[in-house]
Protein backbone atom coordinates (compact mmCIF):
# COMPACT_ATOMS: atom_id res chain seq x y z
CA MET A 1 237.30 -45.57 -7.14
CA ASN A 2 239.63 -42.73 -8.04
CA LYS A 3 242.51 -42.04 -5.66
CA ILE A 4 242.38 -38.26 -5.85
CA ARG A 5 239.61 -36.41 -4.06
CA GLY A 6 238.94 -32.78 -4.77
CA TYR A 7 237.82 -30.33 -7.38
CA LEU A 8 238.81 -27.52 -9.72
CA LEU A 9 237.17 -24.21 -8.83
CA ASN A 10 236.46 -21.29 -11.13
CA ALA A 11 235.39 -18.74 -8.48
CA ALA A 12 234.49 -16.03 -11.00
CA LYS A 13 231.84 -18.28 -12.57
CA ASN A 14 231.04 -20.16 -9.32
CA LYS A 15 231.90 -23.37 -11.17
CA LYS A 16 233.20 -26.55 -9.50
CA ILE A 17 234.52 -29.53 -11.43
CA GLU A 18 234.96 -32.71 -9.42
CA ILE A 19 238.22 -34.56 -9.97
CA THR A 20 237.47 -38.02 -11.35
CA GLU A 21 239.32 -40.55 -13.47
CA SER A 22 237.27 -39.42 -16.46
CA LEU A 23 238.48 -35.81 -16.14
CA VAL A 24 241.12 -35.75 -18.89
CA ASN A 25 240.91 -32.11 -20.00
CA ILE A 26 240.26 -28.67 -18.56
CA PRO A 27 236.71 -28.09 -19.91
CA ASP A 28 237.43 -24.54 -21.12
CA ASP A 29 240.61 -25.51 -22.96
CA LYS A 30 241.00 -28.90 -24.67
CA ASN A 31 244.66 -27.99 -25.16
CA LEU A 32 245.20 -28.76 -21.46
CA LYS A 33 245.40 -32.48 -20.79
CA LEU A 34 244.93 -33.97 -17.30
CA SER A 35 246.03 -37.31 -15.91
CA GLN A 36 246.67 -38.81 -12.46
CA ALA A 37 249.79 -40.25 -10.84
CA ASN A 38 250.93 -40.71 -7.23
CA ASN A 39 247.81 -39.00 -5.84
CA LYS A 40 248.48 -35.87 -7.92
CA LEU A 41 246.87 -34.35 -10.97
CA ILE A 42 249.28 -34.05 -13.88
CA LEU A 43 248.81 -31.15 -16.30
CA ILE A 44 250.25 -31.22 -19.83
CA LEU A 45 249.98 -28.39 -22.36
CA LYS A 46 249.64 -29.95 -25.82
CA ASP A 47 250.54 -26.88 -27.89
CA SER A 48 251.75 -23.35 -27.16
CA SER A 49 249.22 -21.00 -25.54
CA ASP A 50 248.97 -18.13 -23.07
CA THR A 51 247.95 -20.43 -20.20
CA THR A 52 249.97 -19.97 -17.00
CA LEU A 53 250.47 -22.02 -13.84
CA ASN A 54 250.91 -19.85 -10.74
CA GLY A 55 251.83 -16.94 -13.00
CA TYR A 56 254.44 -18.78 -15.09
CA ALA A 57 254.14 -19.80 -18.74
CA LEU A 58 253.78 -23.51 -19.47
CA ILE A 59 256.19 -25.43 -21.68
CA PRO A 60 254.38 -27.62 -24.24
CA LYS A 61 254.60 -31.40 -23.67
CA LYS A 62 256.12 -30.97 -20.18
CA GLU A 63 254.37 -32.63 -17.21
CA TYR A 64 253.38 -30.40 -14.27
CA LYS A 65 252.35 -31.97 -10.95
CA LEU A 66 249.51 -29.89 -9.54
CA SER A 67 249.60 -29.09 -5.82
CA ASP A 68 246.80 -27.97 -3.55
CA GLY A 69 246.09 -24.28 -4.21
CA ASP A 70 247.76 -24.11 -7.64
CA LEU A 71 246.25 -21.60 -10.08
CA ILE A 72 245.68 -22.44 -13.76
CA LYS A 73 244.98 -19.21 -15.66
CA ILE A 74 243.59 -19.79 -19.15
CA ASP A 75 242.75 -16.15 -19.92
CA GLU A 76 241.70 -12.97 -18.11
CA ASN A 77 238.25 -14.42 -17.36
CA ILE A 78 239.04 -18.06 -16.64
CA THR A 79 241.20 -19.18 -13.72
CA TYR A 80 240.93 -22.54 -11.97
CA SER A 81 242.14 -23.25 -8.43
CA VAL A 82 243.13 -26.81 -7.48
CA PHE A 83 241.67 -28.13 -4.23
CA TYR A 84 242.49 -31.58 -2.88
CA GLU A 85 240.41 -33.18 -0.13
CA GLN A 86 241.68 -35.58 2.50
CA GLY A 87 239.97 -38.62 3.98
CA LYS A 88 236.43 -39.69 3.17
CA ARG A 89 234.95 -37.87 0.23
CA LYS A 90 232.22 -35.34 0.96
CA SER A 91 229.63 -33.94 -1.41
CA LEU A 92 230.76 -30.86 -3.25
CA ASP A 93 227.35 -29.26 -2.88
CA ASN A 94 226.16 -30.31 0.59
CA PRO A 95 227.71 -29.52 4.00
CA PRO A 96 229.78 -32.33 5.54
CA ASP A 97 228.27 -34.42 8.28
CA GLN A 98 229.46 -34.18 11.89
CA ALA A 99 231.84 -37.13 11.49
CA ASN A 100 233.61 -35.41 8.63
CA LYS A 101 233.82 -32.21 10.69
CA LYS A 102 235.60 -34.03 13.48
CA MET A 103 237.99 -35.71 11.06
CA LYS A 104 238.81 -32.38 9.43
CA ILE A 105 239.58 -30.55 12.68
CA ALA A 106 241.74 -33.42 13.87
CA SER A 107 243.84 -33.18 10.72
CA ILE A 108 244.18 -29.40 11.02
CA PHE A 109 245.56 -29.50 14.54
CA LYS A 110 247.19 -32.91 14.43
CA THR A 111 250.40 -31.75 16.15
CA ALA A 112 248.64 -29.88 18.94
CA LYS A 113 247.75 -31.44 22.29
CA ALA A 114 244.17 -31.57 23.54
CA SER A 115 243.37 -28.38 25.47
CA PRO A 116 240.50 -25.94 26.06
CA ALA A 117 241.80 -23.99 23.05
CA ILE A 118 241.41 -27.00 20.78
CA LYS A 119 237.92 -27.68 22.09
CA THR A 120 236.97 -24.11 21.26
CA ALA A 121 238.53 -24.49 17.83
CA ALA A 122 236.37 -27.53 17.10
CA LYS A 123 233.25 -25.40 17.37
CA GLN A 124 234.51 -23.30 14.47
CA GLY A 125 234.88 -26.38 12.29
CA ASP A 126 232.91 -25.19 9.25
CA GLY A 127 235.96 -24.79 7.05
CA VAL A 128 239.48 -25.99 6.30
CA TRP A 129 243.01 -24.64 6.50
CA LYS A 130 244.85 -24.74 3.20
CA LYS A 131 248.37 -23.91 2.09
CA LEU A 132 247.59 -21.85 -1.01
CA ARG A 133 251.25 -21.05 -1.62
CA PRO A 134 254.48 -22.18 0.05
CA ASN A 135 254.27 -19.07 2.25
CA VAL A 136 250.51 -18.43 2.37
CA ILE A 137 248.13 -20.23 4.72
CA ALA A 138 244.40 -19.70 4.37
CA TYR A 139 241.27 -20.60 6.29
CA ILE A 140 238.42 -21.23 3.82
CA PRO A 141 234.93 -21.48 5.36
CA GLU A 142 232.61 -24.19 4.12
CA ASN A 143 229.90 -21.68 3.21
CA ILE A 144 231.26 -18.38 1.89
CA LYS A 145 228.74 -15.53 1.82
CA GLU A 146 227.45 -14.99 -1.71
CA THR A 147 228.35 -11.35 -2.26
CA SER A 148 231.14 -9.51 -4.04
CA LYS A 149 231.29 -6.91 -1.26
CA VAL A 150 234.30 -7.52 0.99
CA ALA A 151 234.96 -6.04 4.42
CA SER A 152 238.62 -6.87 5.04
CA PHE A 153 240.76 -6.33 8.10
CA ASP A 154 244.27 -6.65 9.46
CA LEU A 155 244.50 -8.64 12.70
CA ASP A 156 247.09 -7.43 15.23
CA GLY A 157 246.48 -3.84 16.28
CA THR A 158 243.24 -3.75 14.27
CA LEU A 159 240.90 -6.37 15.73
CA ILE A 160 243.02 -7.50 18.69
CA LYS A 161 245.81 -6.36 21.00
CA THR A 162 247.92 -8.26 23.51
CA LYS A 163 246.33 -9.06 26.87
CA SER A 164 249.76 -8.80 28.49
CA GLY A 165 250.29 -5.24 27.28
CA LYS A 166 253.52 -6.26 25.55
CA ARG A 167 254.21 -5.26 21.97
CA PHE A 168 254.32 -8.89 20.78
CA PRO A 169 252.15 -11.73 22.15
CA VAL A 170 253.77 -14.19 24.56
CA ASP A 171 251.66 -17.12 23.26
CA GLU A 172 248.50 -17.94 21.30
CA ASN A 173 246.27 -16.96 24.25
CA ASP A 174 247.76 -13.47 24.70
CA TRP A 175 245.02 -11.44 23.03
CA VAL A 176 241.87 -9.43 23.68
CA LEU A 177 239.61 -7.53 21.30
CA LEU A 178 240.97 -4.04 20.59
CA PHE A 179 237.71 -2.14 21.22
CA PRO A 180 234.51 -3.12 23.10
CA ASN A 181 232.29 -2.54 20.05
CA ILE A 182 234.25 -4.65 17.57
CA THR A 183 231.92 -7.67 17.69
CA GLU A 184 228.81 -5.50 17.31
CA LYS A 185 230.30 -3.53 14.41
CA LEU A 186 231.44 -6.67 12.59
CA LYS A 187 228.08 -8.40 13.02
CA GLU A 188 226.38 -5.35 11.58
CA ILE A 189 228.60 -5.21 8.51
CA SER A 190 228.42 -8.99 7.99
CA GLU A 191 224.78 -8.64 6.96
CA ASP A 192 225.89 -7.27 3.58
CA PHE A 193 229.62 -8.05 3.35
CA LYS A 194 231.79 -11.15 3.47
CA LEU A 195 234.48 -10.80 6.15
CA VAL A 196 238.17 -11.36 5.39
CA LEU A 197 241.40 -11.19 7.41
CA PHE A 198 244.74 -10.37 5.76
CA THR A 199 247.69 -10.67 8.15
CA ASN A 200 251.49 -10.62 7.84
CA GLN A 201 253.07 -13.22 10.15
CA ARG A 202 256.69 -13.62 9.11
CA GLY A 203 257.47 -15.26 12.45
CA LEU A 204 255.60 -18.37 11.28
CA HIS A 205 257.99 -19.00 8.38
CA ASN A 206 259.28 -22.60 8.46
CA ALA A 207 257.95 -23.06 12.02
CA ASP A 208 255.23 -25.73 12.05
CA ASP A 209 254.73 -25.57 15.82
CA LYS A 210 254.10 -21.82 15.64
CA VAL A 211 251.79 -22.27 12.66
CA ASN A 212 249.61 -24.74 14.56
CA ALA A 213 249.50 -22.45 17.59
CA PHE A 214 248.51 -19.52 15.39
CA LYS A 215 245.72 -21.56 13.80
CA VAL A 216 244.38 -22.20 17.29
CA LYS A 217 244.61 -18.48 18.06
CA VAL A 218 242.75 -17.45 14.90
CA THR A 219 240.07 -20.08 15.38
CA ASN A 220 239.48 -18.93 18.96
CA ILE A 221 239.22 -15.31 17.82
CA LEU A 222 236.60 -16.29 15.24
CA GLU A 223 234.77 -18.28 17.89
CA LYS A 224 234.81 -15.26 20.20
CA LEU A 225 233.39 -13.06 17.44
CA GLY A 226 230.86 -15.69 16.39
CA LEU A 227 231.37 -14.75 12.74
CA THR A 228 232.57 -16.41 9.55
CA PHE A 229 235.83 -15.07 8.09
CA LEU A 230 238.12 -16.03 5.26
CA VAL A 231 241.67 -15.77 6.60
CA PHE A 232 244.87 -15.23 4.61
CA ILE A 233 248.24 -15.42 6.40
CA SER A 234 251.52 -14.40 4.74
CA THR A 235 254.54 -16.03 6.39
CA ASP A 236 257.45 -14.63 4.35
CA SER A 237 258.72 -11.51 2.57
CA ASP A 238 257.48 -12.46 -0.89
CA LYS A 239 254.84 -11.02 -3.21
CA TYR A 240 252.06 -12.12 -0.87
CA ARG A 241 253.22 -9.99 2.04
CA LYS A 242 251.45 -6.67 2.48
CA PRO A 243 251.69 -4.08 1.03
CA SER A 244 252.04 -6.23 -2.10
CA PRO A 245 248.55 -7.10 -3.39
CA GLY A 246 249.19 -10.85 -3.65
CA MET A 247 246.82 -11.99 -0.89
CA TRP A 248 243.95 -10.05 -2.48
CA ASP A 249 244.67 -11.83 -5.77
CA LEU A 250 244.45 -15.17 -3.94
CA LEU A 251 241.12 -14.11 -2.42
CA LYS A 252 239.75 -13.49 -5.92
CA ASN A 253 240.74 -17.03 -6.87
CA VAL A 254 238.65 -18.39 -4.00
CA THR A 255 235.59 -16.16 -4.17
CA GLU A 256 234.18 -13.14 -5.99
CA ALA A 257 235.39 -9.74 -4.80
CA ASP A 258 234.50 -6.28 -6.13
CA VAL A 259 237.12 -3.63 -5.32
CA GLU A 260 234.66 -0.76 -5.83
CA GLU A 261 232.26 -2.10 -3.20
CA SER A 262 234.87 -3.27 -0.69
CA PHE A 263 237.14 -1.73 1.94
CA TYR A 264 240.11 -2.54 4.18
CA VAL A 265 240.93 -1.60 7.79
CA GLY A 266 244.47 -1.70 9.19
CA ASP A 267 246.69 -0.03 11.78
CA ALA A 268 249.94 0.15 9.75
CA ALA A 269 248.95 3.48 8.24
CA GLY A 270 252.05 5.67 8.49
CA ARG A 271 250.54 7.91 11.17
CA PRO A 272 253.10 10.12 12.93
CA GLY A 273 251.27 9.65 16.26
CA ASN A 274 248.29 11.20 17.96
CA LYS A 275 248.49 12.09 21.66
CA LYS A 276 244.75 12.81 21.92
CA LEU A 277 243.87 9.30 20.75
CA LYS A 278 246.91 7.83 22.54
CA ILE A 279 248.25 6.42 19.28
CA ASN A 280 251.98 5.85 18.92
CA LYS A 281 253.77 6.35 15.64
CA ASP A 282 252.81 3.54 13.26
CA HIS A 283 255.50 0.95 12.60
CA SER A 284 254.90 1.08 8.84
CA LEU A 285 252.60 2.00 5.94
CA ALA A 286 251.94 -1.61 4.94
CA ASP A 287 248.16 -1.60 5.45
CA ARG A 288 247.50 1.80 3.87
CA LEU A 289 249.66 0.93 0.85
CA PHE A 290 248.07 -2.54 0.54
CA ALA A 291 244.66 -0.87 0.20
CA GLN A 292 246.10 1.62 -2.30
CA ASN A 293 247.70 -1.17 -4.34
CA VAL A 294 244.42 -3.07 -4.57
CA GLY A 295 242.24 0.03 -4.98
CA LEU A 296 240.27 -0.38 -1.74
CA LYS A 297 238.82 2.30 0.47
CA PHE A 298 240.99 2.47 3.59
CA TYR A 299 240.29 3.14 7.25
CA THR A 300 242.37 2.97 10.41
CA PRO A 301 240.83 0.98 13.30
CA GLU A 302 239.99 4.23 15.11
CA GLU A 303 238.33 5.70 12.02
CA TYR A 304 236.25 2.59 11.39
CA PHE A 305 235.32 1.42 14.88
CA LEU A 306 235.38 4.72 16.82
CA ASP A 307 234.34 7.15 14.05
CA ALA A 308 237.56 9.13 14.61
CA PRO A 309 238.40 11.83 12.05
CA LYS A 310 240.68 11.00 9.13
CA SER A 311 244.27 10.81 10.30
CA THR A 312 247.33 12.41 8.77
CA TYR A 313 250.20 10.22 7.69
CA ASP A 314 253.74 10.40 6.43
CA PRO A 315 253.83 9.36 2.75
CA PRO A 316 256.35 6.75 1.58
CA LYS A 317 259.81 8.02 0.69
CA PHE A 318 259.63 6.43 -2.75
CA ASP A 319 256.55 6.53 -4.96
CA PRO A 320 256.84 4.09 -7.90
CA SER A 321 253.87 5.70 -9.66
CA LYS A 322 256.04 8.77 -10.36
CA VAL A 323 258.78 6.89 -12.20
CA GLU A 324 258.94 8.09 -15.80
CA THR A 325 258.12 5.86 -18.73
CA GLY A 326 260.38 6.20 -21.74
CA VAL A 327 263.19 4.92 -23.90
CA TYR A 328 266.86 5.65 -23.18
CA THR A 329 268.53 7.93 -25.72
CA ILE A 330 272.32 8.14 -25.43
CA ASP A 331 274.90 9.49 -27.88
CA LEU A 332 277.44 6.76 -28.61
CA PRO A 333 280.68 7.34 -30.54
CA LYS A 334 281.64 5.33 -33.58
CA THR A 335 285.18 4.85 -32.22
CA PRO A 336 286.08 2.46 -29.36
CA GLU A 337 285.50 3.58 -25.79
CA MET A 338 285.10 2.14 -22.28
CA ILE A 339 281.99 2.73 -20.19
CA LEU A 340 282.00 2.03 -16.45
CA MET A 341 278.50 1.47 -15.08
CA VAL A 342 278.21 2.81 -11.54
CA GLY A 343 275.26 1.92 -9.31
CA SER A 344 273.93 -0.25 -6.54
CA PRO A 345 272.42 -3.70 -7.01
CA ALA A 346 268.94 -3.32 -8.55
CA SER A 347 269.63 0.18 -9.86
CA GLY A 348 268.94 -0.80 -13.48
CA LYS A 349 272.54 -1.02 -14.74
CA SER A 350 272.16 -4.37 -16.47
CA THR A 351 268.82 -3.45 -18.04
CA PHE A 352 270.36 -0.26 -19.44
CA CYS A 353 273.27 -2.27 -20.89
CA LYS A 354 270.97 -4.83 -22.49
CA LYS A 355 268.66 -2.23 -24.02
CA VAL A 356 271.23 0.37 -25.13
CA LEU A 357 274.86 -0.75 -25.19
CA ILE A 358 274.86 -4.43 -26.11
CA PRO A 359 272.64 -3.84 -29.21
CA ALA A 360 275.14 -1.12 -30.22
CA GLY A 361 277.95 -3.70 -30.28
CA TYR A 362 279.57 -3.05 -26.89
CA VAL A 363 281.36 -6.04 -25.37
CA TYR A 364 279.60 -6.79 -22.08
CA VAL A 365 281.76 -7.48 -19.00
CA ASN A 366 280.14 -8.41 -15.72
CA ARG A 367 281.62 -9.80 -12.51
CA ASP A 368 278.52 -11.86 -11.68
CA THR A 369 279.33 -13.85 -14.81
CA LEU A 370 283.15 -13.81 -14.75
CA LYS A 371 283.41 -14.13 -10.92
CA THR A 372 286.62 -12.13 -10.33
CA ALA A 373 287.88 -8.58 -10.90
CA GLN A 374 290.93 -9.94 -12.72
CA ALA A 375 288.78 -11.91 -15.14
CA CYS A 376 286.81 -8.72 -15.84
CA LEU A 377 290.02 -6.78 -16.46
CA ASN A 378 291.27 -9.49 -18.84
CA ALA A 379 287.99 -9.37 -20.78
CA VAL A 380 288.24 -5.57 -21.05
CA LYS A 381 291.82 -5.79 -22.38
CA LYS A 382 290.78 -8.37 -24.96
CA ALA A 383 287.91 -6.17 -26.20
CA LEU A 384 290.10 -3.09 -26.50
CA GLN A 385 292.84 -5.05 -28.26
CA GLU A 386 290.19 -6.01 -30.84
CA LYS A 387 289.28 -2.30 -31.24
CA LYS A 388 285.84 -2.84 -29.71
CA SER A 389 283.93 -0.68 -27.27
CA VAL A 390 283.36 -2.29 -23.89
CA VAL A 391 281.04 -1.74 -20.92
CA VAL A 392 281.90 -2.89 -17.39
CA ASP A 393 278.61 -3.66 -15.65
CA ASN A 394 279.80 -3.83 -12.02
CA THR A 395 278.69 -1.72 -9.05
CA ASN A 396 282.04 0.20 -9.14
CA PRO A 397 281.28 2.04 -5.87
CA SER A 398 284.71 3.56 -5.16
CA GLU A 399 287.79 5.03 -6.80
CA GLU A 400 289.71 1.90 -5.82
CA ALA A 401 287.19 -0.35 -7.60
CA ARG A 402 287.35 1.79 -10.74
CA LYS A 403 291.10 2.46 -10.83
CA GLN A 404 292.35 -0.57 -12.80
CA PHE A 405 289.71 -0.14 -15.50
CA VAL A 406 290.45 3.59 -15.88
CA LEU A 407 294.16 2.81 -16.17
CA CYS A 408 293.42 0.15 -18.78
CA ALA A 409 291.49 2.66 -20.91
CA LYS A 410 294.39 5.11 -20.60
CA ASN A 411 296.90 2.45 -21.70
CA PHE A 412 294.83 1.68 -24.79
CA LYS A 413 294.30 5.40 -25.44
CA VAL A 414 290.50 5.18 -25.50
CA PRO A 415 288.11 7.49 -23.66
CA CYS A 416 286.59 6.28 -20.40
CA ARG A 417 283.10 7.39 -19.37
CA ALA A 418 281.26 6.68 -16.11
CA PHE A 419 277.49 6.18 -16.38
CA VAL A 420 276.06 6.68 -12.88
CA MET A 421 272.55 5.31 -12.24
CA ASP A 422 270.46 8.07 -10.66
CA VAL A 423 268.73 5.79 -8.16
CA ASN A 424 268.40 6.22 -4.39
CA THR A 425 268.27 3.58 -1.65
CA ASP A 426 264.49 3.10 -1.58
CA MET A 427 264.18 2.94 -5.36
CA ALA A 428 266.87 0.25 -5.45
CA ARG A 429 265.05 -1.68 -2.71
CA HIS A 430 261.79 -1.41 -4.65
CA ASN A 431 263.48 -2.58 -7.87
CA ASN A 432 265.01 -5.47 -5.95
CA LYS A 433 261.61 -6.64 -4.73
CA PHE A 434 260.08 -6.13 -8.16
CA ARG A 435 262.70 -8.45 -9.69
CA GLN A 436 262.13 -10.99 -6.91
CA PHE A 437 258.36 -10.95 -7.48
CA THR A 438 258.42 -11.11 -11.29
CA GLU A 439 261.52 -13.12 -12.24
CA ASN A 440 261.29 -16.79 -11.41
CA THR A 441 265.07 -17.29 -11.27
CA HIS A 442 266.03 -14.03 -9.55
CA GLN A 443 267.72 -14.29 -6.16
CA GLN A 444 266.77 -11.36 -3.96
CA VAL A 445 269.60 -9.14 -2.75
CA ASN A 446 269.51 -8.54 1.00
CA ASP A 447 268.58 -4.97 1.93
CA ILE A 448 271.73 -4.79 4.04
CA ILE A 449 273.83 -5.04 0.86
CA ILE A 450 271.95 -2.13 -0.70
CA TYR A 451 272.20 -0.01 2.45
CA THR A 452 275.92 -0.78 2.70
CA TYR A 453 276.50 0.22 -0.92
CA PHE A 454 274.99 3.68 -0.45
CA LYS A 455 276.72 4.16 2.91
CA ASN A 456 280.17 3.58 1.37
CA PHE A 457 279.50 5.00 -2.10
CA VAL A 458 282.03 7.51 -3.51
CA GLN A 459 280.92 9.57 -6.49
CA PRO A 460 283.29 9.25 -9.48
CA GLU A 461 285.28 12.37 -10.36
CA LYS A 462 287.23 13.43 -13.44
CA LYS A 463 290.42 13.61 -11.40
CA GLU A 464 290.37 9.79 -11.37
CA GLY A 465 291.11 9.96 -15.11
CA ILE A 466 287.49 9.62 -16.23
CA ASP A 467 286.71 11.69 -19.33
CA GLU A 468 282.97 12.13 -18.78
CA ILE A 469 280.57 11.43 -15.92
CA LYS A 470 276.95 11.04 -16.99
CA LYS A 471 273.89 10.46 -14.80
CA ILE A 472 271.42 7.90 -16.15
CA GLU A 473 267.85 8.39 -14.98
CA PHE A 474 265.95 5.15 -14.37
CA LYS A 475 263.09 4.76 -16.84
CA LEU A 476 260.32 2.23 -17.23
CA ASP A 477 260.40 0.53 -20.61
CA PHE A 478 258.33 -2.66 -20.40
CA GLU A 479 256.95 -4.34 -23.50
CA ASN A 480 254.20 -5.87 -21.33
CA SER A 481 251.92 -3.10 -20.01
CA ASP A 482 250.69 -5.32 -17.15
CA VAL A 483 254.28 -5.67 -15.91
CA GLY A 484 254.62 -1.88 -16.00
CA LYS A 485 251.43 -1.48 -13.98
CA TYR A 486 252.70 -3.98 -11.43
CA TYR A 487 255.99 -2.08 -11.07
CA ARG A 488 253.99 0.96 -9.96
CA LYS A 489 252.57 -0.91 -6.95
CA PHE A 490 254.10 -0.23 -3.54
CA PHE A 491 256.36 -3.05 -2.31
CA LEU A 492 258.15 -1.30 0.58
CA GLU A 493 256.40 -1.15 3.94
CA LYS A 494 257.59 2.38 4.71
């Protein structure tokens, strides 16, 4: 008897492959070898290929332990999700018996005490909770409706509100349905659509007790509605938090979903407020931008459930779709010079240096690498002594920060130019999130650091001893077109 219980799922082709000891390859790619150790599947790529694991390229011959919810993408049409089962094995084609249902619910709420809420939850026991990503929890029903049409909804402020009247719920029982007709409307749409919840719940991050309580809350809401939902919960500020489209991508790995035939309803729509409908100003644009990122038709709760007219909204301050695509063209002298990069974190300074200045032979000086201002100054002096041009890739936000480098250029009798990145606060914040979402090793810069930079920023002036001040417009120049398309998604919530 094999130790591992579960299956590989190709949702696009509705194909399940049971995990057994004889499963030694991914069927669609013999280059991917499978083995088992310590109750985990082990994946090994024999030779180089375009296969990715959770979006990252695989290194040939290296062993990868597969976790529950991992995604193995072979090509644009073939992606397998890893699902492990716990306890007694069930059939992959037939519904579990009542004993298995009881076992499953007990494991889901194992840290919660017996209560009326748990008893209610047990009635909704036709699915399982899974951790699809470190910060994404999902409820996957046993029998998902066989349609590509998706009716998706936010939760708080869209389907429910607090019973207490407070802005945030006091516990898992502090909720009532937002409108009297919600159940009727959802039952009507469920005839032709599969129902999905997408909710941001950052308060659950690294809080197991809160997670269990929220599972109880969601299960009781589904029991109240008497309907089957897939549920996706984002618990952190990563690429799966709305408005980023990550949770929709995870949905597509679980079941088929056609954007053209689907829609999304949410209350975070950027509305300035409506006294007639007694609607306060929305706290963000996250739901509207999530729908726009995915390509879904969008409705506010009032528009969908109450047939209210289309609402006005305040557009986001920064629109990544309007960022120009192009290649930097800069005139560079043949004689030595010093360039001071000036710009906030995530303003594109380093990318500009790597694409334009370093290939032209400029010595690259950066405090993140050298750690201290003095070490940077020493590196600049060394470059100029060797008659080489040099670029200082620091934020250089003030005259004081720039002074020693300007003086050094003067002492060596070389011109000093300041290249100022033409990027505002929201663009820098967007770039910061883009790097976080696409670079595996990138450490996100806290927004407070970016806000502080712009608050204290002092524009460079020629009176400091700078020979030329040049604005550098941020441009998109990605070799991978898919990366460029992803950059144009909205990552900021307002």
